[in-house]
Amino acid sequence: MKKAISLRCPTCRKIVLRSEPEFPFCCERCRLIDLGKWASGGYVISTPLNDPETDDFIHPNVQDQKAN
């Protein structure tokens, strides 16, 4: 017996099956609400990303240790 894969809609928390056309959202309305949150900056990354190009600038001693 196959188990249907489902998730909860990130906007309204309704259960959505993987086979539904709006997956992982339950409807177009919830999809647009989520898009609006992204566009307005409602979602943010809580920790800063490490950029390899700027890491050497922030920590110059790391570059010196690699040379030795």
PDB file of N, CA and C in Angstrom:
ATOM      1  N   MET A   1       0.850  -1.179   0.000  1.00  0.00           N
ATOM      2  CA  MET A   1       0.000   0.000   0.000  1.00  0.00           C
ATOM      3  C   MET A   1       0.897   1.245   0.000  1.00  0.00           C
ATOM      4  N   LYS A   2       0.730   2.124  -0.986  1.00  0.00           N
ATOM      5  CA  LYS A   2       1.530   3.344  -1.074  1.00  0.00           C
ATOM      6  C   LYS A   2       0.997   4.406  -0.124  1.00  0.00           C
ATOM      7  N   LYS A   3       1.919   5.109   0.488  1.00  0.00           N
ATOM      8  CA  LYS A   3       1.548   6.210   1.376  1.00  0.00           C
ATOM      9  C   LYS A   3       1.592   7.507   0.565  1.00  0.00           C
ATOM     10  N   ALA A   4       0.532   8.272   0.601  1.00  0.00           N
ATOM     11  CA  ALA A   4       0.486   9.553  -0.108  1.00  0.00           C
ATOM     12  C   ALA A   4       1.362  10.565   0.619  1.00  0.00           C
ATOM     13  N   ILE A   5       2.222  11.231  -0.133  1.00  0.00           N
ATOM     14  CA  ILE A   5       3.099  12.239   0.460  1.00  0.00           C
ATOM     15  C   ILE A   5       2.329  13.548   0.559  1.00  0.00           C
ATOM     16  N   SER A   6       2.342  14.121   1.742  1.00  0.00           N
ATOM     17  CA  SER A   6       1.623  15.369   1.965  1.00  0.00           C
ATOM     18  C   SER A   6       2.421  16.267   2.894  1.00  0.00           C
ATOM     19  N   LEU A   7       2.122  17.534   2.793  1.00  0.00           N
ATOM     20  CA  LEU A   7       2.699  18.555   3.670  1.00  0.00           C
ATOM     21  C   LEU A   7       1.583  19.480   4.105  1.00  0.00           C
ATOM     22  N   ARG A   8       1.890  20.351   5.027  1.00  0.00           N
ATOM     23  CA  ARG A   8       0.940  21.400   5.400  1.00  0.00           C
ATOM     24  C   ARG A   8       1.283  22.649   4.602  1.00  0.00           C
ATOM     25  N   CYS A   9       0.256  23.327   4.130  1.00  0.00           N
ATOM     26  CA  CYS A   9       0.438  24.581   3.407  1.00  0.00           C
ATOM     27  C   CYS A   9       1.192  25.548   4.322  1.00  0.00           C
ATOM     28  N   PRO A  10       2.277  26.170   3.847  1.00  0.00           N
ATOM     29  CA  PRO A  10       3.046  27.068   4.703  1.00  0.00           C
ATOM     30  C   PRO A  10       2.272  28.311   5.145  1.00  0.00           C
ATOM     31  N   THR A  11       1.217  28.646   4.428  1.00  0.00           N
ATOM     32  CA  THR A  11       0.455  29.848   4.749  1.00  0.00           C
ATOM     33  C   THR A  11      -0.690  29.566   5.717  1.00  0.00           C
ATOM     34  N   CYS A  12      -1.551  28.591   5.382  1.00  0.00           N
ATOM     35  CA  CYS A  12      -2.752  28.359   6.199  1.00  0.00           C
ATOM     36  C   CYS A  12      -2.726  27.055   6.982  1.00  0.00           C
ATOM     37  N   ARG A  13      -1.698  26.227   6.760  1.00  0.00           N
ATOM     38  CA  ARG A  13      -1.480  24.968   7.480  1.00  0.00           C
ATOM     39  C   ARG A  13      -2.467  23.851   7.097  1.00  0.00           C
ATOM     40  N   LYS A  14      -3.197  23.992   6.011  1.00  0.00           N
ATOM     41  CA  LYS A  14      -4.079  22.944   5.519  1.00  0.00           C
ATOM     42  C   LYS A  14      -3.232  21.826   4.916  1.00  0.00           C
ATOM     43  N   ILE A  15      -3.626  20.565   5.066  1.00  0.00           N
ATOM     44  CA  ILE A  15      -2.878  19.446   4.499  1.00  0.00           C
ATOM     45  C   ILE A  15      -3.040  19.442   2.983  1.00  0.00           C
ATOM     46  N   VAL A  16      -1.901  19.326   2.276  1.00  0.00           N
ATOM     47  CA  VAL A  16      -1.884  19.351   0.814  1.00  0.00           C
ATOM     48  C   VAL A  16      -1.167  18.098   0.323  1.00  0.00           C
ATOM     49  N   LEU A  17      -1.789  17.363  -0.580  1.00  0.00           N
ATOM     50  CA  LEU A  17      -1.165  16.183  -1.166  1.00  0.00           C
ATOM     51  C   LEU A  17      -0.182  16.585  -2.249  1.00  0.00           C
ATOM     52  N   ARG A  18       0.830  15.775  -2.425  1.00  0.00           N
ATOM     53  CA  ARG A  18       1.865  16.065  -3.410  1.00  0.00           C
ATOM     54  C   ARG A  18       1.309  16.107  -4.836  1.00  0.00           C
ATOM     55  N   SER A  19       0.243  15.393  -5.081  1.00  0.00           N
ATOM     56  CA  SER A  19      -0.341  15.324  -6.425  1.00  0.00           C
ATOM     57  C   SER A  19      -1.180  16.550  -6.784  1.00  0.00           C
ATOM     58  N   GLU A  20      -1.454  17.417  -5.821  1.00  0.00           N
ATOM     59  CA  GLU A  20      -2.275  18.604  -6.095  1.00  0.00           C
ATOM     60  C   GLU A  20      -1.468  19.630  -6.884  1.00  0.00           C
ATOM     61  N   PRO A  21      -2.118  20.368  -7.787  1.00  0.00           N
ATOM     62  CA  PRO A  21      -1.402  21.276  -8.695  1.00  0.00           C
ATOM     63  C   PRO A  21      -0.686  22.443  -8.015  1.00  0.00           C
ATOM     64  N   GLU A  22      -1.145  22.894  -6.876  1.00  0.00           N
ATOM     65  CA  GLU A  22      -0.538  24.044  -6.194  1.00  0.00           C
ATOM     66  C   GLU A  22       0.489  23.630  -5.137  1.00  0.00           C
ATOM     67  N   PHE A  23       0.791  22.344  -5.042  1.00  0.00           N
ATOM     68  CA  PHE A  23       1.712  21.833  -4.033  1.00  0.00           C
ATOM     69  C   PHE A  23       3.005  22.651  -4.006  1.00  0.00           C
ATOM     70  N   PRO A  24       3.518  23.078  -2.891  1.00  0.00           N
ATOM     71  CA  PRO A  24       3.169  22.746  -1.516  1.00  0.00           C
ATOM     72  C   PRO A  24       2.102  23.655  -0.906  1.00  0.00           C
ATOM     73  N   PHE A  25       1.504  24.531  -1.708  1.00  0.00           N
ATOM     74  CA  PHE A  25       0.437  25.394  -1.217  1.00  0.00           C
ATOM     75  C   PHE A  25      -0.912  24.735  -1.498  1.00  0.00           C
ATOM     76  N   CYS A  26      -1.947  25.149  -0.779  1.00  0.00           N
ATOM     77  CA  CYS A  26      -3.266  24.556  -0.999  1.00  0.00           C
ATOM     78  C   CYS A  26      -4.025  25.261  -2.115  1.00  0.00           C
ATOM     79  N   CYS A  27      -3.673  26.516  -2.397  1.00  0.00           N
ATOM     80  CA  CYS A  27      -4.395  27.259  -3.430  1.00  0.00           C
ATOM     81  C   CYS A  27      -3.531  28.426  -3.931  1.00  0.00           C
ATOM     82  N   GLU A  28      -3.976  29.047  -4.995  1.00  0.00           N
ATOM     83  CA  GLU A  28      -3.257  30.179  -5.581  1.00  0.00           C
ATOM     84  C   GLU A  28      -3.167  31.349  -4.593  1.00  0.00           C
ATOM     85  N   ARG A  29      -4.212  31.550  -3.808  1.00  0.00           N
ATOM     86  CA  ARG A  29      -4.231  32.636  -2.825  1.00  0.00           C
ATOM     87  C   ARG A  29      -3.074  32.489  -1.831  1.00  0.00           C
ATOM     88  N   CYS A  30      -2.890  31.282  -1.285  1.00  0.00           N
ATOM     89  CA  CYS A  30      -1.804  31.054  -0.329  1.00  0.00           C
ATOM     90  C   CYS A  30      -0.442  31.218  -1.003  1.00  0.00           C
ATOM     91  N   ARG A  31      -0.323  30.800  -2.252  1.00  0.00           N
ATOM     92  CA  ARG A  31       0.918  30.959  -2.997  1.00  0.00           C
ATOM     93  C   ARG A  31       1.260  32.450  -3.143  1.00  0.00           C
ATOM     94  N   LEU A  32       0.259  33.277  -3.463  1.00  0.00           N
ATOM     95  CA  LEU A  32       0.489  34.713  -3.637  1.00  0.00           C
ATOM     96  C   LEU A  32       0.790  35.413  -2.315  1.00  0.00           C
ATOM     97  N   ILE A  33       0.164  34.963  -1.243  1.00  0.00           N
ATOM     98  CA  ILE A  33       0.462  35.521   0.078  1.00  0.00           C
ATOM     99  C   ILE A  33       1.924  35.273   0.428  1.00  0.00           C
ATOM    100  N   ASP A  34       2.392  34.046   0.179  1.00  0.00           N
ATOM    101  CA  ASP A  34       3.784  33.697   0.448  1.00  0.00           C
ATOM    102  C   ASP A  34       4.735  34.511  -0.422  1.00  0.00           C
ATOM    103  N   LEU A  35       4.413  34.662  -1.695  1.00  0.00           N
ATOM    104  CA  LEU A  35       5.234  35.459  -2.603  1.00  0.00           C
ATOM    105  C   LEU A  35       5.311  36.912  -2.125  1.00  0.00           C
ATOM    106  N   GLY A  36       4.190  37.446  -1.662  1.00  0.00           N
ATOM    107  CA  GLY A  36       4.170  38.808  -1.146  1.00  0.00           C
ATOM    108  C   GLY A  36       5.062  38.984   0.066  1.00  0.00           C
ATOM    109  N   LYS A  37       5.116  37.970   0.938  1.00  0.00           N
ATOM    110  CA  LYS A  37       5.998  38.042   2.112  1.00  0.00           C
ATOM    111  C   LYS A  37       7.460  38.078   1.688  1.00  0.00           C
ATOM    112  N   TRP A  38       7.820  37.263   0.673  1.00  0.00           N
ATOM    113  CA  TRP A  38       9.192  37.285   0.174  1.00  0.00           C
ATOM    114  C   TRP A  38       9.518  38.635  -0.434  1.00  0.00           C
ATOM    115  N   ALA A  39       8.607  39.161  -1.261  1.00  0.00           N
ATOM    116  CA  ALA A  39       8.852  40.417  -1.971  1.00  0.00           C
ATOM    117  C   ALA A  39       8.964  41.607  -1.018  1.00  0.00           C
ATOM    118  N   SER A  40       8.221  41.586   0.085  1.00  0.00           N
ATOM    119  CA  SER A  40       8.239  42.710   1.016  1.00  0.00           C
ATOM    120  C   SER A  40       9.328  42.590   2.079  1.00  0.00           C
ATOM    121  N   GLY A  41      10.084  41.493   2.052  1.00  0.00           N
ATOM    122  CA  GLY A  41      11.139  41.313   3.050  1.00  0.00           C
ATOM    123  C   GLY A  41      10.628  40.708   4.336  1.00  0.00           C
ATOM    124  N   GLY A  42       9.454  40.100   4.302  1.00  0.00           N
ATOM    125  CA  GLY A  42       8.881  39.476   5.488  1.00  0.00           C
ATOM    126  C   GLY A  42       9.666  38.262   5.959  1.00  0.00           C
ATOM    127  N   TYR A  43      10.347  37.616   5.039  1.00  0.00           N
ATOM    128  CA  TYR A  43      11.199  36.484   5.388  1.00  0.00           C
ATOM    129  C   TYR A  43      12.654  36.952   5.350  1.00  0.00           C
ATOM    130  N   VAL A  44      13.411  36.596   6.381  1.00  0.00           N
ATOM    131  CA  VAL A  44      14.818  36.966   6.436  1.00  0.00           C
ATOM    132  C   VAL A  44      15.629  35.765   6.889  1.00  0.00           C
ATOM    133  N   ILE A  45      16.896  35.747   6.525  1.00  0.00           N
ATOM    134  CA  ILE A  45      17.814  34.718   7.005  1.00  0.00           C
ATOM    135  C   ILE A  45      18.331  35.188   8.345  1.00  0.00           C
ATOM    136  N   SER A  46      18.176  34.365   9.371  1.00  0.00           N
ATOM    137  CA  SER A  46      18.475  34.800  10.727  1.00  0.00           C
ATOM    138  C   SER A  46      19.968  34.907  11.024  1.00  0.00           C
ATOM    139  N   THR A  47      20.798  34.156  10.335  1.00  0.00           N
ATOM    140  CA  THR A  47      22.231  34.245  10.567  1.00  0.00           C
ATOM    141  C   THR A  47      22.919  34.702   9.289  1.00  0.00           C
ATOM    142  N   PRO A  48      23.972  35.474   9.414  1.00  0.00           N
ATOM    143  CA  PRO A  48      24.660  35.955   8.212  1.00  0.00           C
ATOM    144  C   PRO A  48      25.338  34.801   7.470  1.00  0.00           C
ATOM    145  N   LEU A  49      25.327  34.880   6.163  1.00  0.00           N
ATOM    146  CA  LEU A  49      26.015  33.893   5.343  1.00  0.00           C
ATOM    147  C   LEU A  49      27.491  34.236   5.284  1.00  0.00           C
ATOM    148  N   ASN A  50      28.325  33.236   5.237  1.00  0.00           N
ATOM    149  CA  ASN A  50      29.766  33.452   5.111  1.00  0.00           C
ATOM    150  C   ASN A  50      30.134  33.500   3.641  1.00  0.00           C
ATOM    151  N   ASP A  51      30.724  34.587   3.238  1.00  0.00           N
ATOM    152  CA  ASP A  51      31.177  34.763   1.872  1.00  0.00           C
ATOM    153  C   ASP A  51      32.680  34.529   1.853  1.00  0.00           C
ATOM    154  N   PRO A  52      33.162  33.536   1.096  1.00  0.00           N
ATOM    155  CA  PRO A  52      34.601  33.249   1.101  1.00  0.00           C
ATOM    156  C   PRO A  52      35.464  34.439   0.703  1.00  0.00           C
ATOM    157  N   GLU A  53      34.961  35.303  -0.147  1.00  0.00           N
ATOM    158  CA  GLU A  53      35.740  36.472  -0.571  1.00  0.00           C
ATOM    159  C   GLU A  53      35.914  37.472   0.560  1.00  0.00           C
ATOM    160  N   THR A  54      34.918  37.626   1.410  1.00  0.00           N
ATOM    161  CA  THR A  54      35.020  38.590   2.506  1.00  0.00           C
ATOM    162  C   THR A  54      35.566  37.971   3.781  1.00  0.00           C
ATOM    163  N   ASP A  55      35.569  36.643   3.899  1.00  0.00           N
ATOM    164  CA  ASP A  55      36.107  36.005   5.103  1.00  0.00           C
ATOM    165  C   ASP A  55      37.586  36.314   5.293  1.00  0.00           C
ATOM    166  N   ASP A  56      38.364  36.334   4.222  1.00  0.00           N
ATOM    167  CA  ASP A  56      39.781  36.663   4.342  1.00  0.00           C
ATOM    168  C   ASP A  56      39.973  38.106   4.784  1.00  0.00           C
ATOM    169  N   PHE A  57      39.088  38.990   4.360  1.00  0.00           N
ATOM    170  CA  PHE A  57      39.179  40.395   4.753  1.00  0.00           C
ATOM    171  C   PHE A  57      38.868  40.556   6.240  1.00  0.00           C
ATOM    172  N   ILE A  58      37.880  39.822   6.724  1.00  0.00           N
ATOM    173  CA  ILE A  58      37.482  39.919   8.130  1.00  0.00           C
ATOM    174  C   ILE A  58      38.522  39.266   9.030  1.00  0.00           C
ATOM    175  N   HIS A  59      39.099  38.153   8.579  1.00  0.00           N
ATOM    176  CA  HIS A  59      40.065  37.407   9.375  1.00  0.00           C
ATOM    177  C   HIS A  59      41.399  37.314   8.620  1.00  0.00           C
ATOM    178  N   PRO A  60      42.187  38.393   8.617  1.00  0.00           N
ATOM    179  CA  PRO A  60      43.437  38.371   7.844  1.00  0.00           C
ATOM    180  C   PRO A  60      44.435  37.344   8.362  1.00  0.00           C
ATOM    181  N   ASN A  61      44.383  36.965   9.646  1.00  0.00           N
ATOM    182  CA  ASN A  61      45.332  36.001  10.198  1.00  0.00           C
ATOM    183  C   ASN A  61      45.141  34.618   9.594  1.00  0.00           C
ATOM    184  N   VAL A  62      43.955  34.291   9.155  1.00  0.00           N
ATOM    185  CA  VAL A  62      43.698  32.993   8.544  1.00  0.00           C
ATOM    186  C   VAL A  62      44.515  32.864   7.275  1.00  0.00           C
ATOM    187  N   GLN A  63      44.598  33.913   6.496  1.00  0.00           N
ATOM    188  CA  GLN A  63      45.361  33.893   5.260  1.00  0.00           C
ATOM    189  C   GLN A  63      46.857  33.737   5.578  1.00  0.00           C
ATOM    190  N   ASP A  64      47.334  34.400   6.623  1.00  0.00           N
ATOM    191  CA  ASP A  64      48.739  34.300   7.014  1.00  0.00           C
ATOM    192  C   ASP A  64      49.080  32.868   7.448  1.00  0.00           C
ATOM    193  N   GLN A  65      48.174  32.191   8.160  1.00  0.00           N
ATOM    194  CA  GLN A  65      48.411  30.830   8.612  1.00  0.00           C
ATOM    195  C   GLN A  65      48.471  29.872   7.451  1.00  0.00           C
ATOM    196  N   LYS A  66      47.680  30.098   6.405  1.00  0.00           N
ATOM    197  CA  LYS A  66      47.686  29.221   5.237  1.00  0.00           C
ATOM    198  C   LYS A  66      49.015  29.326   4.490  1.00  0.00           C
ATOM    199  N   ALA A  67      49.641  30.497   4.503  1.00  0.00           N
ATOM    200  CA  ALA A  67      50.892  30.717   3.784  1.00  0.00           C
ATOM    201  C   ALA A  67      52.049  29.987   4.460  1.00  0.00           C
ATOM    202  N   ASN A  68      51.957  29.788   5.774  1.00  0.00           N
ATOM    203  CA  ASN A  68      53.064  29.138   6.516  1.00  0.00           C
ATOM    204  C   ASN A  68      53.025  27.690   6.381  1.00  0.00           C
TER     205      ASN A  68
END
